[in-house]
């Protein structure tokens, strides 16, 4: 009960602050753009870099997104949360960067890469348990490399759903508003992406090369 109350209070505070920010932007207050960057800059960069891949592309995406927000703030009608509207602009700018610059390799097919299940929903092939190895500092480095590689191969819409859910902490409803899809679609994308990452990380952490690298770096 207390946690729920605190969560509602935090959400209300977030909405109140965004409402003040939106009004300041619409009034073209001199400091409004700086407040926008201070409030959403880090989150915009995380999302942009997660989709676009490189730091340079992410910086360009963030700049384009902020400029778009400032120019189009009068089109924001409050039909969704400002944060959802903002994330949608960032994601669209990042998608354009990916499509225009071909900054990524061919995206991985989730249907080909996901674990296989039988009729009872059990894994056809066992997935190795590598969780104990994450306490090893060398293994942590290997894990970060494998995670980055796996994320880079995801289709952009799946990658975005996962980043918004697990990194930014948005609800499924908020993500649905950002991506313009249904809540069940968001749930499916996040679940499928988590399964894929688990499989990819498991494979990376249990290969002989990974084990050898971990031992030699220890």
N, C-alpha and C. Protein backbone atom coordinates (compact mmCIF):
# COMPACT_ATOMS: atom_id res chain seq x y z
N UNK A 1 0.83 -1.21 0.00
CA UNK A 1 0.00 0.00 0.00
C UNK A 1 0.86 1.26 0.00
N UNK A 2 1.86 1.28 0.88
CA UNK A 2 2.75 2.43 0.96
C UNK A 2 3.51 2.62 -0.34
N UNK A 3 4.00 1.51 -0.91
CA UNK A 3 4.75 1.58 -2.16
C UNK A 3 3.87 2.12 -3.29
N UNK A 4 2.60 1.68 -3.32
CA UNK A 4 1.68 2.15 -4.36
C UNK A 4 1.44 3.65 -4.21
N UNK A 5 1.27 4.09 -2.96
CA UNK A 5 1.03 5.50 -2.72
C UNK A 5 2.24 6.33 -3.13
N UNK A 6 3.43 5.84 -2.81
CA UNK A 6 4.64 6.55 -3.19
C UNK A 6 4.80 6.60 -4.71
N UNK A 7 4.42 5.49 -5.37
CA UNK A 7 4.51 5.46 -6.83
C UNK A 7 3.56 6.46 -7.46
N UNK A 8 2.34 6.55 -6.93
CA UNK A 8 1.37 7.52 -7.46
C UNK A 8 1.84 8.95 -7.22
N UNK A 9 2.43 9.18 -6.04
CA UNK A 9 2.92 10.52 -5.73
C UNK A 9 4.06 10.91 -6.67
N UNK A 10 4.97 9.96 -6.93
CA UNK A 10 6.09 10.24 -7.84
C UNK A 10 5.58 10.52 -9.25
N UNK A 11 4.58 9.73 -9.70
CA UNK A 11 4.01 9.94 -11.03
C UNK A 11 3.34 11.30 -11.13
N UNK A 12 2.62 11.68 -10.05
CA UNK A 12 1.94 12.97 -10.04
C UNK A 12 2.96 14.11 -10.09
N UNK A 13 4.06 13.96 -9.35
CA UNK A 13 5.11 14.98 -9.37
C UNK A 13 5.72 15.11 -10.76
N UNK A 14 5.94 13.94 -11.41
CA UNK A 14 6.49 13.94 -12.76
C UNK A 14 5.58 14.69 -13.72
N UNK A 15 4.26 14.43 -13.62
CA UNK A 15 3.29 15.06 -14.51
C UNK A 15 3.26 16.56 -14.25
N UNK A 16 3.27 16.95 -12.97
CA UNK A 16 3.23 18.37 -12.63
C UNK A 16 4.45 19.09 -13.20
N UNK A 17 5.62 18.49 -13.04
CA UNK A 17 6.84 19.12 -13.56
C UNK A 17 6.80 19.20 -15.08
N UNK A 18 6.34 18.17 -15.74
CA UNK A 18 6.26 18.19 -17.19
C UNK A 18 5.24 19.22 -17.66
N UNK A 19 4.16 19.38 -16.91
CA UNK A 19 3.15 20.37 -17.28
C UNK A 19 3.75 21.78 -17.24
N UNK A 20 4.52 22.05 -16.21
CA UNK A 20 5.18 23.35 -16.10
C UNK A 20 6.18 23.55 -17.23
N UNK A 21 6.90 22.46 -17.56
CA UNK A 21 7.89 22.53 -18.64
C UNK A 21 7.21 22.80 -19.98
N UNK A 22 6.12 22.09 -20.24
CA UNK A 22 5.39 22.27 -21.49
C UNK A 22 4.90 23.70 -21.62
N UNK A 23 4.32 24.23 -20.56
CA UNK A 23 3.82 25.61 -20.61
C UNK A 23 4.95 26.61 -20.84
N UNK A 24 6.10 26.35 -20.22
CA UNK A 24 7.25 27.24 -20.42
C UNK A 24 7.72 27.18 -21.87
N UNK A 25 7.75 25.98 -22.45
CA UNK A 25 8.16 25.84 -23.85
C UNK A 25 7.16 26.52 -24.78
N UNK A 26 5.87 26.38 -24.49
CA UNK A 26 4.85 26.99 -25.33
C UNK A 26 4.87 28.50 -25.24
N UNK A 27 5.29 29.03 -24.09
CA UNK A 27 5.40 30.48 -23.94
C UNK A 27 6.72 31.01 -24.49
N UNK A 28 7.57 30.09 -24.97
CA UNK A 28 8.88 30.43 -25.51
C UNK A 28 9.75 31.14 -24.47
N UNK A 29 9.67 30.68 -23.23
CA UNK A 29 10.51 31.26 -22.20
C UNK A 29 11.98 30.99 -22.51
N UNK A 30 12.88 31.96 -22.30
CA UNK A 30 14.29 31.79 -22.68
C UNK A 30 14.96 30.56 -22.07
N UNK A 31 14.61 30.22 -20.83
CA UNK A 31 15.29 29.11 -20.16
C UNK A 31 14.59 27.77 -20.35
N UNK A 32 13.49 27.76 -21.10
CA UNK A 32 12.69 26.53 -21.22
C UNK A 32 13.47 25.41 -21.92
N UNK A 33 14.18 25.76 -22.99
CA UNK A 33 14.93 24.73 -23.72
C UNK A 33 16.02 24.12 -22.84
N UNK A 34 16.67 24.96 -22.03
CA UNK A 34 17.68 24.44 -21.11
C UNK A 34 17.06 23.50 -20.09
N UNK A 35 15.87 23.83 -19.61
CA UNK A 35 15.17 22.95 -18.66
C UNK A 35 14.81 21.63 -19.32
N UNK A 36 14.43 21.68 -20.59
CA UNK A 36 14.11 20.46 -21.32
C UNK A 36 15.32 19.55 -21.41
N UNK A 37 16.46 20.11 -21.77
CA UNK A 37 17.70 19.34 -21.88
C UNK A 37 18.10 18.78 -20.51
N UNK A 38 18.00 19.60 -19.47
CA UNK A 38 18.38 19.14 -18.13
C UNK A 38 17.47 18.01 -17.65
N UNK A 39 16.20 18.07 -18.02
CA UNK A 39 15.23 17.06 -17.56
C UNK A 39 15.32 15.77 -18.34
N UNK A 40 15.46 15.88 -19.66
CA UNK A 40 15.35 14.70 -20.51
C UNK A 40 16.63 14.37 -21.29
N UNK A 41 17.68 15.13 -21.11
CA UNK A 41 18.88 14.93 -21.91
C UNK A 41 19.49 13.54 -21.78
N UNK A 42 19.71 13.10 -20.54
CA UNK A 42 20.33 11.79 -20.32
C UNK A 42 19.46 10.67 -20.86
N UNK A 43 18.16 10.75 -20.62
CA UNK A 43 17.26 9.70 -21.10
C UNK A 43 17.18 9.68 -22.62
N UNK A 44 17.18 10.86 -23.21
CA UNK A 44 17.15 10.93 -24.67
C UNK A 44 18.41 10.28 -25.27
N UNK A 45 19.54 10.54 -24.66
CA UNK A 45 20.79 9.99 -25.18
C UNK A 45 20.83 8.46 -25.02
N UNK A 46 20.35 7.96 -23.87
CA UNK A 46 20.33 6.50 -23.68
C UNK A 46 19.49 5.83 -24.74
N UNK A 47 18.30 6.37 -24.99
CA UNK A 47 17.42 5.76 -25.98
C UNK A 47 18.02 5.89 -27.38
N UNK A 48 18.53 7.06 -27.71
CA UNK A 48 19.09 7.29 -29.05
C UNK A 48 20.29 6.38 -29.31
N UNK A 49 21.17 6.27 -28.32
CA UNK A 49 22.35 5.42 -28.50
C UNK A 49 21.96 3.95 -28.58
N UNK A 50 20.92 3.57 -27.85
CA UNK A 50 20.46 2.18 -27.91
C UNK A 50 19.91 1.80 -29.26
N UNK A 51 19.28 2.76 -29.94
CA UNK A 51 18.70 2.49 -31.25
C UNK A 51 19.72 2.72 -32.37
N UNK A 52 20.38 3.87 -32.32
CA UNK A 52 21.27 4.25 -33.42
C UNK A 52 22.63 3.58 -33.35
N UNK A 53 23.08 3.22 -32.17
CA UNK A 53 24.32 2.47 -32.05
C UNK A 53 25.53 3.29 -31.66
N UNK A 54 25.92 4.24 -32.47
CA UNK A 54 27.16 4.97 -32.20
C UNK A 54 26.90 6.24 -31.41
N UNK A 55 27.92 6.71 -30.69
CA UNK A 55 27.80 7.93 -29.91
C UNK A 55 27.55 9.13 -30.81
N UNK A 56 28.23 9.16 -31.94
CA UNK A 56 28.06 10.30 -32.86
C UNK A 56 26.64 10.36 -33.39
N UNK A 57 26.11 9.21 -33.81
CA UNK A 57 24.73 9.18 -34.31
C UNK A 57 23.76 9.57 -33.21
N UNK A 58 24.00 9.08 -31.99
CA UNK A 58 23.11 9.38 -30.88
C UNK A 58 23.08 10.87 -30.58
N UNK A 59 24.23 11.51 -30.61
CA UNK A 59 24.29 12.95 -30.37
C UNK A 59 23.50 13.72 -31.42
N UNK A 60 23.61 13.30 -32.68
CA UNK A 60 22.87 13.98 -33.74
C UNK A 60 21.37 13.76 -33.57
N UNK A 61 21.00 12.54 -33.17
CA UNK A 61 19.59 12.23 -32.95
C UNK A 61 19.02 13.10 -31.83
N UNK A 62 19.74 13.21 -30.74
CA UNK A 62 19.27 13.99 -29.60
C UNK A 62 19.11 15.46 -29.99
N UNK A 63 20.07 16.00 -30.70
CA UNK A 63 19.98 17.39 -31.14
C UNK A 63 18.76 17.59 -32.03
N UNK A 64 18.55 16.67 -32.98
CA UNK A 64 17.39 16.78 -33.87
C UNK A 64 16.09 16.67 -33.07
N UNK A 65 16.07 15.76 -32.09
CA UNK A 65 14.86 15.54 -31.31
C UNK A 65 14.50 16.77 -30.48
N UNK A 66 15.50 17.35 -29.82
CA UNK A 66 15.23 18.54 -29.01
C UNK A 66 14.75 19.70 -29.89
N UNK A 67 15.37 19.85 -31.05
CA UNK A 67 14.97 20.92 -31.95
C UNK A 67 13.53 20.69 -32.41
N UNK A 68 13.17 19.44 -32.69
CA UNK A 68 11.81 19.11 -33.10
C UNK A 68 10.81 19.42 -31.99
N UNK A 69 11.16 19.07 -30.75
CA UNK A 69 10.27 19.35 -29.62
C UNK A 69 10.02 20.84 -29.48
N UNK A 70 11.07 21.63 -29.55
CA UNK A 70 10.93 23.07 -29.40
C UNK A 70 10.08 23.65 -30.53
N UNK A 71 10.30 23.18 -31.75
CA UNK A 71 9.54 23.70 -32.89
C UNK A 71 8.08 23.28 -32.88
N UNK A 72 7.82 22.04 -32.41
CA UNK A 72 6.48 21.48 -32.52
C UNK A 72 5.74 21.41 -31.19
N UNK A 73 6.21 22.11 -30.17
CA UNK A 73 5.60 22.01 -28.85
C UNK A 73 4.14 22.44 -28.88
N UNK A 74 3.77 23.34 -29.81
CA UNK A 74 2.38 23.78 -29.89
C UNK A 74 1.46 22.68 -30.42
N UNK A 75 2.03 21.64 -31.00
CA UNK A 75 1.21 20.53 -31.49
C UNK A 75 0.92 19.51 -30.39
N UNK A 76 1.60 19.65 -29.25
CA UNK A 76 1.36 18.72 -28.13
C UNK A 76 0.04 19.09 -27.47
N UNK A 77 -0.92 18.15 -27.50
CA UNK A 77 -2.26 18.41 -27.00
C UNK A 77 -2.54 17.77 -25.64
N UNK A 78 -1.56 17.07 -25.09
CA UNK A 78 -1.77 16.45 -23.80
C UNK A 78 -2.62 15.20 -23.84
N UNK A 79 -2.81 14.63 -25.03
CA UNK A 79 -3.59 13.40 -25.13
C UNK A 79 -2.82 12.21 -24.57
N UNK A 80 -1.53 12.31 -24.51
CA UNK A 80 -0.69 11.33 -23.84
C UNK A 80 0.28 12.11 -22.96
N UNK A 81 1.04 11.41 -22.13
CA UNK A 81 2.01 12.08 -21.27
C UNK A 81 3.07 12.76 -22.13
N UNK A 82 3.57 13.88 -21.66
CA UNK A 82 4.62 14.57 -22.41
C UNK A 82 5.82 13.67 -22.62
N UNK A 83 6.18 12.88 -21.58
CA UNK A 83 7.32 11.98 -21.71
C UNK A 83 7.14 10.99 -22.84
N UNK A 84 5.91 10.47 -23.01
CA UNK A 84 5.64 9.53 -24.10
C UNK A 84 5.79 10.22 -25.45
N UNK A 85 5.28 11.43 -25.55
CA UNK A 85 5.39 12.22 -26.78
C UNK A 85 6.85 12.49 -27.10
N UNK A 86 7.61 12.84 -26.08
CA UNK A 86 9.03 13.14 -26.25
C UNK A 86 9.81 11.90 -26.71
N UNK A 87 9.57 10.76 -26.05
CA UNK A 87 10.27 9.54 -26.41
C UNK A 87 9.93 9.13 -27.85
N UNK A 88 8.69 9.38 -28.28
CA UNK A 88 8.31 9.04 -29.64
C UNK A 88 9.13 9.84 -30.64
N UNK A 89 9.34 11.11 -30.35
CA UNK A 89 10.14 11.96 -31.23
C UNK A 89 11.58 11.47 -31.29
N UNK A 90 12.14 11.12 -30.13
CA UNK A 90 13.52 10.61 -30.10
C UNK A 90 13.63 9.31 -30.88
N UNK A 91 12.69 8.39 -30.64
CA UNK A 91 12.73 7.10 -31.32
C UNK A 91 12.60 7.27 -32.83
N UNK A 92 11.69 8.13 -33.27
CA UNK A 92 11.52 8.34 -34.72
C UNK A 92 12.78 8.93 -35.34
N UNK A 93 13.41 9.88 -34.63
CA UNK A 93 14.65 10.46 -35.14
C UNK A 93 15.75 9.40 -35.23
N UNK A 94 15.79 8.52 -34.26
CA UNK A 94 16.80 7.46 -34.26
C UNK A 94 16.53 6.46 -35.38
N UNK A 95 15.25 6.11 -35.61
CA UNK A 95 14.92 5.21 -36.70
C UNK A 95 15.35 5.80 -38.04
N UNK A 96 15.12 7.09 -38.23
CA UNK A 96 15.53 7.74 -39.48
C UNK A 96 17.04 7.70 -39.66
N UNK A 97 17.75 7.87 -38.56
CA UNK A 97 19.21 7.80 -38.62
C UNK A 97 19.67 6.41 -39.03
N UNK A 98 19.05 5.39 -38.47
CA UNK A 98 19.41 4.01 -38.80
C UNK A 98 19.11 3.72 -40.26
N UNK A 99 17.92 4.12 -40.71
CA UNK A 99 17.54 3.84 -42.10
C UNK A 99 18.37 4.65 -43.08
N UNK A 100 18.65 5.90 -42.74
CA UNK A 100 19.38 6.77 -43.66
C UNK A 100 20.86 6.47 -43.74
N UNK A 101 21.45 6.14 -42.59
CA UNK A 101 22.88 5.93 -42.58
C UNK A 101 23.32 4.50 -42.69
N UNK A 102 22.35 3.57 -42.61
CA UNK A 102 22.70 2.15 -42.63
C UNK A 102 23.80 1.88 -41.61
N UNK A 103 23.61 2.42 -40.38
CA UNK A 103 24.66 2.34 -39.37
C UNK A 103 24.73 0.99 -38.69
N UNK A 104 23.76 0.12 -39.00
CA UNK A 104 23.79 -1.19 -38.38
C UNK A 104 23.86 -2.29 -39.43
N UNK A 105 24.31 -3.43 -39.00
CA UNK A 105 24.29 -4.59 -39.87
C UNK A 105 22.85 -5.08 -39.99
N UNK A 106 22.65 -6.09 -40.82
CA UNK A 106 21.32 -6.64 -40.96
C UNK A 106 20.78 -7.12 -39.62
N UNK A 107 19.53 -6.75 -39.34
CA UNK A 107 18.95 -7.13 -38.07
C UNK A 107 18.72 -8.63 -37.98
N UNK A 108 18.83 -9.12 -36.78
CA UNK A 108 18.66 -10.54 -36.52
C UNK A 108 17.19 -10.91 -36.62
N UNK A 109 16.90 -12.06 -37.18
CA UNK A 109 15.54 -12.56 -37.22
C UNK A 109 15.21 -13.22 -35.89
N UNK A 110 14.23 -12.67 -35.17
CA UNK A 110 13.90 -13.23 -33.87
C UNK A 110 13.33 -14.64 -34.00
N UNK A 111 12.57 -14.87 -35.07
CA UNK A 111 11.99 -16.21 -35.24
C UNK A 111 13.08 -17.26 -35.40
N UNK A 112 14.19 -16.88 -36.02
CA UNK A 112 15.28 -17.84 -36.21
C UNK A 112 16.14 -17.99 -34.95
N UNK A 113 16.22 -16.95 -34.15
CA UNK A 113 17.17 -16.94 -33.04
C UNK A 113 16.56 -17.26 -31.68
N UNK A 114 15.24 -17.17 -31.56
CA UNK A 114 14.62 -17.42 -30.26
C UNK A 114 14.75 -18.89 -29.87
N UNK A 115 14.74 -19.19 -28.56
CA UNK A 115 14.76 -20.59 -28.13
C UNK A 115 13.53 -21.32 -28.65
N UNK A 116 13.66 -22.60 -28.85
CA UNK A 116 12.54 -23.43 -29.31
C UNK A 116 11.80 -24.03 -28.13
N UNK A 117 10.46 -24.12 -28.25
CA UNK A 117 9.64 -24.66 -27.18
C UNK A 117 8.80 -25.82 -27.72
N UNK A 118 8.47 -26.77 -26.82
CA UNK A 118 7.58 -27.85 -27.22
C UNK A 118 6.13 -27.43 -26.96
N UNK A 119 5.19 -28.37 -27.13
CA UNK A 119 3.77 -28.05 -26.99
C UNK A 119 3.40 -27.66 -25.57
N UNK A 120 4.19 -28.06 -24.59
CA UNK A 120 3.94 -27.72 -23.19
C UNK A 120 4.63 -26.42 -22.77
N UNK A 121 5.27 -25.77 -23.72
CA UNK A 121 5.93 -24.52 -23.42
C UNK A 121 7.31 -24.68 -22.79
N UNK A 122 7.88 -25.89 -22.83
CA UNK A 122 9.20 -26.13 -22.27
C UNK A 122 10.26 -25.99 -23.35
N UNK A 123 11.47 -25.56 -22.93
CA UNK A 123 12.56 -25.42 -23.90
C UNK A 123 12.90 -26.78 -24.51
N UNK A 124 12.98 -26.81 -25.83
CA UNK A 124 13.38 -28.04 -26.51
C UNK A 124 14.84 -28.34 -26.21
N UNK A 125 15.67 -27.32 -26.27
CA UNK A 125 17.09 -27.47 -25.94
C UNK A 125 17.34 -26.71 -24.65
N UNK A 126 18.06 -27.31 -23.69
CA UNK A 126 18.31 -26.62 -22.42
C UNK A 126 19.14 -25.38 -22.61
N UNK A 127 18.82 -24.35 -21.83
CA UNK A 127 19.59 -23.11 -21.83
C UNK A 127 20.54 -23.13 -20.65
N UNK A 128 21.81 -22.96 -20.93
CA UNK A 128 22.82 -23.06 -19.87
C UNK A 128 22.63 -21.97 -18.83
N UNK A 129 22.89 -22.34 -17.56
CA UNK A 129 22.81 -21.37 -16.47
C UNK A 129 24.20 -20.80 -16.24
N UNK A 130 24.40 -19.53 -16.68
CA UNK A 130 25.69 -18.87 -16.55
C UNK A 130 25.67 -17.80 -15.47
N UNK A 131 24.57 -17.75 -14.68
CA UNK A 131 24.39 -16.66 -13.73
C UNK A 131 25.49 -16.62 -12.67
N UNK A 132 26.03 -17.77 -12.29
CA UNK A 132 27.05 -17.78 -11.25
C UNK A 132 28.32 -17.08 -11.71
N UNK A 133 28.58 -17.07 -13.01
CA UNK A 133 29.83 -16.50 -13.50
C UNK A 133 29.84 -14.98 -13.50
N UNK A 134 28.68 -14.35 -13.30
CA UNK A 134 28.64 -12.89 -13.37
C UNK A 134 29.31 -12.24 -12.17
N UNK A 135 29.63 -13.03 -11.14
CA UNK A 135 30.37 -12.47 -10.00
C UNK A 135 31.83 -12.25 -10.35
N UNK A 136 32.30 -12.92 -11.39
CA UNK A 136 33.68 -12.79 -11.83
C UNK A 136 33.83 -11.50 -12.64
N UNK A 137 34.79 -10.64 -12.28
CA UNK A 137 34.97 -9.36 -12.97
C UNK A 137 35.28 -9.56 -14.45
N UNK A 138 36.10 -10.56 -14.75
CA UNK A 138 36.42 -10.83 -16.15
C UNK A 138 35.17 -11.25 -16.91
N UNK A 139 34.34 -12.06 -16.25
CA UNK A 139 33.10 -12.51 -16.88
C UNK A 139 32.13 -11.35 -17.07
N UNK A 140 32.16 -10.39 -16.17
CA UNK A 140 31.29 -9.22 -16.30
C UNK A 140 31.63 -8.45 -17.57
N UNK A 141 32.93 -8.32 -17.86
CA UNK A 141 33.34 -7.64 -19.08
C UNK A 141 32.84 -8.39 -20.30
N UNK A 142 33.01 -9.70 -20.27
CA UNK A 142 32.54 -10.54 -21.38
C UNK A 142 31.03 -10.42 -21.53
N UNK A 143 30.34 -10.34 -20.42
CA UNK A 143 28.89 -10.23 -20.44
C UNK A 143 28.44 -8.91 -21.07
N UNK A 144 29.13 -7.82 -20.70
CA UNK A 144 28.77 -6.52 -21.26
C UNK A 144 28.99 -6.49 -22.77
N UNK A 145 30.10 -7.09 -23.23
CA UNK A 145 30.38 -7.15 -24.67
C UNK A 145 29.30 -7.96 -25.39
N UNK A 146 28.95 -9.10 -24.80
CA UNK A 146 27.94 -9.96 -25.41
C UNK A 146 26.57 -9.28 -25.43
N UNK A 147 26.25 -8.56 -24.34
CA UNK A 147 24.96 -7.87 -24.28
C UNK A 147 24.88 -6.78 -25.33
N UNK A 148 25.95 -5.99 -25.46
CA UNK A 148 25.97 -4.93 -26.45
C UNK A 148 25.83 -5.50 -27.86
N UNK A 149 26.53 -6.59 -28.13
CA UNK A 149 26.46 -7.22 -29.45
C UNK A 149 25.06 -7.72 -29.74
N UNK A 150 24.44 -8.37 -28.73
CA UNK A 150 23.09 -8.91 -28.92
C UNK A 150 22.08 -7.79 -29.14
N UNK A 151 22.20 -6.71 -28.38
CA UNK A 151 21.28 -5.58 -28.54
C UNK A 151 21.42 -4.96 -29.92
N UNK A 152 22.66 -4.86 -30.41
CA UNK A 152 22.90 -4.24 -31.71
C UNK A 152 22.27 -5.03 -32.85
N UNK A 153 22.05 -6.31 -32.65
CA UNK A 153 21.49 -7.14 -33.71
C UNK A 153 19.97 -7.18 -33.71
N UNK A 154 19.35 -6.61 -32.68
CA UNK A 154 17.89 -6.65 -32.58
C UNK A 154 17.25 -5.72 -33.60
N UNK A 155 16.07 -6.07 -34.10
CA UNK A 155 15.30 -5.10 -34.91
C UNK A 155 15.02 -3.86 -34.07
N UNK A 156 15.05 -2.67 -34.66
CA UNK A 156 14.90 -1.44 -33.88
C UNK A 156 13.66 -1.38 -33.01
N UNK A 157 12.51 -1.86 -33.51
CA UNK A 157 11.29 -1.74 -32.71
C UNK A 157 11.34 -2.63 -31.48
N UNK A 158 11.98 -3.79 -31.58
CA UNK A 158 12.14 -4.65 -30.41
C UNK A 158 13.15 -4.06 -29.44
N UNK A 159 14.24 -3.55 -29.98
CA UNK A 159 15.27 -2.94 -29.15
C UNK A 159 14.70 -1.75 -28.37
N UNK A 160 13.89 -0.94 -29.05
CA UNK A 160 13.30 0.23 -28.40
C UNK A 160 12.36 -0.18 -27.27
N UNK A 161 11.52 -1.17 -27.52
CA UNK A 161 10.59 -1.63 -26.49
C UNK A 161 11.34 -2.10 -25.25
N UNK A 162 12.42 -2.83 -25.44
CA UNK A 162 13.19 -3.33 -24.30
C UNK A 162 13.87 -2.19 -23.55
N UNK A 163 14.45 -1.25 -24.27
CA UNK A 163 15.13 -0.12 -23.63
C UNK A 163 14.15 0.72 -22.82
N UNK A 164 12.98 0.98 -23.38
CA UNK A 164 11.99 1.78 -22.67
C UNK A 164 11.47 1.06 -21.44
N UNK A 165 11.37 -0.26 -21.52
CA UNK A 165 10.83 -1.03 -20.38
C UNK A 165 11.88 -1.27 -19.32
N UNK A 166 13.04 -1.79 -19.70
CA UNK A 166 14.02 -2.25 -18.71
C UNK A 166 15.05 -1.19 -18.34
N UNK A 167 15.25 -0.20 -19.17
CA UNK A 167 16.23 0.85 -18.86
C UNK A 167 15.53 2.11 -18.36
N UNK A 168 14.51 2.55 -19.10
CA UNK A 168 13.82 3.78 -18.72
C UNK A 168 12.69 3.55 -17.73
N UNK A 169 12.24 2.30 -17.59
CA UNK A 169 11.22 1.99 -16.60
C UNK A 169 9.81 2.42 -16.98
N UNK A 170 9.52 2.60 -18.27
CA UNK A 170 8.18 2.98 -18.68
C UNK A 170 7.23 1.79 -18.54
N UNK A 171 5.97 2.09 -18.34
CA UNK A 171 4.96 1.04 -18.28
C UNK A 171 4.66 0.55 -19.69
N UNK A 172 3.99 -0.62 -19.78
CA UNK A 172 3.64 -1.14 -21.10
C UNK A 172 2.70 -0.17 -21.83
N UNK A 173 1.81 0.48 -21.08
CA UNK A 173 0.90 1.44 -21.70
C UNK A 173 1.66 2.63 -22.26
N UNK A 174 2.62 3.14 -21.51
CA UNK A 174 3.42 4.28 -21.99
C UNK A 174 4.22 3.90 -23.24
N UNK A 175 4.78 2.69 -23.23
CA UNK A 175 5.55 2.24 -24.39
C UNK A 175 4.65 2.10 -25.60
N UNK A 176 3.43 1.61 -25.38
CA UNK A 176 2.47 1.49 -26.48
C UNK A 176 2.18 2.85 -27.09
N UNK A 177 2.08 3.88 -26.23
CA UNK A 177 1.85 5.24 -26.73
C UNK A 177 3.04 5.74 -27.53
N UNK A 178 4.25 5.43 -27.04
CA UNK A 178 5.46 5.87 -27.74
C UNK A 178 5.56 5.23 -29.11
N UNK A 179 5.33 3.92 -29.17
CA UNK A 179 5.54 3.17 -30.41
C UNK A 179 4.31 3.14 -31.32
N UNK A 180 3.16 3.56 -30.79
CA UNK A 180 1.95 3.53 -31.59
C UNK A 180 1.45 2.14 -31.86
N UNK A 181 1.61 1.25 -30.88
CA UNK A 181 1.15 -0.13 -31.01
C UNK A 181 0.28 -0.48 -29.80
N UNK A 182 -0.27 -1.68 -29.78
CA UNK A 182 -1.11 -2.10 -28.66
C UNK A 182 -0.26 -2.57 -27.49
N UNK A 183 -0.87 -2.60 -26.30
CA UNK A 183 -0.17 -3.09 -25.11
C UNK A 183 0.24 -4.56 -25.27
N UNK A 184 -0.64 -5.44 -25.80
CA UNK A 184 -0.20 -6.83 -26.02
C UNK A 184 1.02 -6.93 -26.94
N UNK A 185 1.10 -6.06 -27.93
CA UNK A 185 2.26 -6.07 -28.82
C UNK A 185 3.52 -5.70 -28.06
N UNK A 186 3.41 -4.70 -27.19
CA UNK A 186 4.56 -4.31 -26.36
C UNK A 186 4.99 -5.48 -25.49
N UNK A 187 4.06 -6.12 -24.82
CA UNK A 187 4.38 -7.24 -23.95
C UNK A 187 5.07 -8.35 -24.73
N UNK A 188 4.57 -8.62 -25.94
CA UNK A 188 5.16 -9.67 -26.76
C UNK A 188 6.59 -9.32 -27.17
N UNK A 189 6.80 -8.08 -27.58
CA UNK A 189 8.14 -7.67 -28.01
C UNK A 189 9.14 -7.73 -26.87
N UNK A 190 8.74 -7.23 -25.71
CA UNK A 190 9.64 -7.25 -24.55
C UNK A 190 9.96 -8.68 -24.15
N UNK A 191 8.93 -9.53 -24.10
CA UNK A 191 9.14 -10.92 -23.68
C UNK A 191 10.03 -11.66 -24.67
N UNK A 192 9.77 -11.50 -25.96
CA UNK A 192 10.56 -12.19 -26.98
C UNK A 192 12.00 -11.69 -26.97
N UNK A 193 12.18 -10.39 -26.75
CA UNK A 193 13.53 -9.83 -26.73
C UNK A 193 14.30 -10.33 -25.52
N UNK A 194 13.67 -10.42 -24.37
CA UNK A 194 14.33 -10.94 -23.18
C UNK A 194 14.76 -12.39 -23.39
N UNK A 195 13.89 -13.17 -24.02
CA UNK A 195 14.24 -14.56 -24.30
C UNK A 195 15.45 -14.65 -25.23
N UNK A 196 15.43 -13.80 -26.27
CA UNK A 196 16.54 -13.81 -27.22
C UNK A 196 17.85 -13.42 -26.54
N UNK A 197 17.81 -12.36 -25.73
CA UNK A 197 19.02 -11.92 -25.05
C UNK A 197 19.54 -13.00 -24.11
N UNK A 198 18.63 -13.67 -23.42
CA UNK A 198 19.06 -14.74 -22.52
C UNK A 198 19.76 -15.84 -23.30
N UNK A 199 19.20 -16.19 -24.46
CA UNK A 199 19.82 -17.23 -25.27
C UNK A 199 21.18 -16.78 -25.79
N UNK A 200 21.25 -15.54 -26.31
CA UNK A 200 22.49 -15.03 -26.87
C UNK A 200 23.58 -14.91 -25.80
N UNK A 201 23.20 -14.41 -24.62
CA UNK A 201 24.18 -14.27 -23.55
C UNK A 201 24.62 -15.64 -23.04
N UNK A 202 23.68 -16.56 -22.96
CA UNK A 202 24.04 -17.90 -22.53
C UNK A 202 25.05 -18.55 -23.46
N UNK A 203 24.83 -18.37 -24.76
CA UNK A 203 25.76 -18.93 -25.74
C UNK A 203 27.12 -18.28 -25.63
N UNK A 204 27.13 -16.95 -25.44
CA UNK A 204 28.41 -16.24 -25.36
C UNK A 204 29.19 -16.60 -24.11
N UNK A 205 28.48 -16.79 -23.00
CA UNK A 205 29.16 -17.03 -21.73
C UNK A 205 29.57 -18.48 -21.52
N UNK A 206 29.11 -19.37 -22.39
CA UNK A 206 29.46 -20.78 -22.21
C UNK A 206 30.34 -21.32 -23.33
N UNK A 207 30.78 -20.45 -24.24
CA UNK A 207 31.68 -20.89 -25.30
C UNK A 207 33.09 -21.05 -24.75
N UNK A 208 33.89 -21.96 -25.34
CA UNK A 208 35.27 -22.13 -24.88
C UNK A 208 36.06 -20.84 -24.95
N UNK A 209 35.84 -20.02 -25.98
CA UNK A 209 36.59 -18.77 -26.12
C UNK A 209 36.31 -17.83 -24.97
N UNK A 210 35.03 -17.77 -24.54
CA UNK A 210 34.67 -16.89 -23.44
C UNK A 210 35.30 -17.37 -22.15
N UNK A 211 35.27 -18.68 -21.93
CA UNK A 211 35.85 -19.22 -20.71
C UNK A 211 37.36 -18.99 -20.67
N UNK A 212 38.01 -19.18 -21.82
CA UNK A 212 39.45 -18.97 -21.88
C UNK A 212 39.81 -17.51 -21.61
N UNK A 213 39.02 -16.60 -22.22
CA UNK A 213 39.28 -15.17 -22.02
C UNK A 213 39.10 -14.78 -20.57
N UNK A 214 38.08 -15.32 -19.94
CA UNK A 214 37.83 -15.00 -18.54
C UNK A 214 38.97 -15.47 -17.65
N UNK A 215 39.50 -16.67 -17.94
CA UNK A 215 40.60 -17.20 -17.11
C UNK A 215 41.87 -16.40 -17.34
N UNK A 216 42.13 -16.05 -18.59
CA UNK A 216 43.40 -15.35 -18.88
C UNK A 216 43.40 -13.93 -18.33
N UNK A 217 42.20 -13.32 -18.21
CA UNK A 217 42.13 -11.96 -17.69
C UNK A 217 42.06 -11.91 -16.18
N UNK A 218 41.79 -13.05 -15.56
CA UNK A 218 41.59 -13.07 -14.10
C UNK A 218 42.93 -12.81 -13.38
